[in-house]
Amino acid sequence: MINELLLDISNKDDISLVLPLLFSPEELNAVNARALVYKELLLGERSQREIAKIHNISIATITRGSNNLKSMSNIEKELLQTLLIRK
């Protein structure tokens, strides 16, 4: 159901309005932190400890993100790279 809802949203402003209706502030922060961890890990420029210190994210959160990345298919990783690392 959420997939269909998000696919029906046509602009960035509407997404910014809808997400806080669907998720609590804590959930949104967790999703943002997860995306940031994935981005940093995919870039590969910093150690996990550096990422934790710079972004004030727990090592446990970063380790979970790293383990998730390791279990992803190449297609999933490429999609994340495309979405998170806009070059």
Protein backbone atom coordinates (compact mmCIF):
# COMPACT_ATOMS: atom_id res chain seq x y z
CA MET A 1 0.00 0.00 0.00
CA ILE A 2 2.77 2.46 0.86
CA ASN A 3 4.49 1.71 -2.46
CA GLU A 4 1.40 2.75 -4.38
CA LEU A 5 0.96 5.84 -2.24
CA LEU A 6 4.53 7.00 -2.80
CA LEU A 7 4.39 6.24 -6.52
CA ASP A 8 1.32 8.45 -6.83
CA ILE A 9 3.18 11.46 -5.38
CA SER A 10 4.45 13.56 -8.23
CA ASN A 11 6.59 16.23 -6.57
CA LYS A 12 9.12 16.68 -3.78
CA ASP A 13 6.98 19.10 -1.77
CA ASP A 14 4.14 16.58 -1.52
CA ILE A 15 6.53 13.90 -0.31
CA SER A 16 7.75 16.26 2.40
CA LEU A 17 4.15 16.72 3.50
CA VAL A 18 3.16 13.05 3.40
CA LEU A 19 6.12 11.40 5.12
CA PRO A 20 5.54 13.08 8.51
CA LEU A 21 1.93 11.95 8.32
CA LEU A 22 3.02 8.33 7.92
CA PHE A 23 6.04 8.22 10.23
CA SER A 24 6.84 9.56 13.68
CA PRO A 25 9.76 11.98 14.04
CA GLU A 26 11.83 9.13 15.51
CA GLU A 27 11.06 6.87 12.55
CA LEU A 28 11.97 9.60 10.07
CA ASN A 29 15.25 10.23 11.91
CA ALA A 30 16.02 6.50 11.82
CA VAL A 31 15.34 6.31 8.07
CA ASN A 32 17.46 9.40 7.43
CA ALA A 33 20.30 7.97 9.53
CA ARG A 34 20.09 4.65 7.66
CA ALA A 35 20.27 6.43 4.29
CA LEU A 36 23.23 8.51 5.48
CA VAL A 37 25.04 5.40 6.72
CA TYR A 38 24.47 3.63 3.39
CA LYS A 39 25.73 6.68 1.49
CA GLU A 40 28.89 6.95 3.60
CA LEU A 41 29.60 3.23 3.37
CA LEU A 42 29.05 3.18 -0.39
CA LEU A 43 31.38 6.14 -0.83
CA GLY A 44 34.01 4.24 1.17
CA GLU A 45 35.91 7.39 2.11
CA ARG A 46 35.58 7.10 5.91
CA SER A 47 35.90 4.39 8.51
CA GLN A 48 32.86 3.33 10.51
CA ARG A 49 34.26 5.14 13.55
CA GLU A 50 34.69 8.35 11.55
CA ILE A 51 31.13 8.10 10.24
CA ALA A 52 29.85 7.59 13.80
CA LYS A 53 31.75 10.59 15.12
CA ILE A 54 30.98 12.99 12.26
CA HIS A 55 27.26 12.23 12.08
CA ASN A 56 26.64 11.33 15.73
CA ILE A 57 25.34 7.87 14.80
CA SER A 58 26.00 4.83 16.97
CA ILE A 59 28.54 2.25 15.86
CA ALA A 60 25.79 -0.38 16.22
CA THR A 61 23.63 1.45 13.66
CA ILE A 62 26.56 1.67 11.26
CA THR A 63 27.44 -2.00 11.75
CA ARG A 64 23.82 -3.00 11.01
CA GLY A 65 23.92 -0.87 7.87
CA SER A 66 27.21 -2.43 6.82
CA ASN A 67 25.84 -5.94 7.38
CA ASN A 68 22.71 -5.06 5.39
CA LEU A 69 24.85 -3.81 2.50
CA LYS A 70 26.87 -7.03 2.52
CA SER A 71 23.70 -9.08 2.16
CA MET A 72 22.27 -6.95 -0.69
CA SER A 73 22.37 -8.00 -4.31
CA ASN A 74 24.42 -5.99 -6.78
CA ILE A 75 21.20 -4.61 -8.24
CA GLU A 76 20.10 -3.33 -4.83
CA LYS A 77 23.50 -1.76 -4.16
CA GLU A 78 23.52 -0.09 -7.58
CA LEU A 79 20.06 1.32 -6.95
CA LEU A 80 21.17 2.76 -3.60
CA GLN A 81 24.26 4.25 -5.23
CA THR A 82 22.12 5.88 -7.90
CA LEU A 83 19.68 7.29 -5.36
CA LEU A 84 22.13 8.33 -2.64
CA ILE A 85 25.26 9.34 -4.54
CA ARG A 86 24.10 11.73 -7.20
CA LYS A 87 27.15 12.41 -9.33
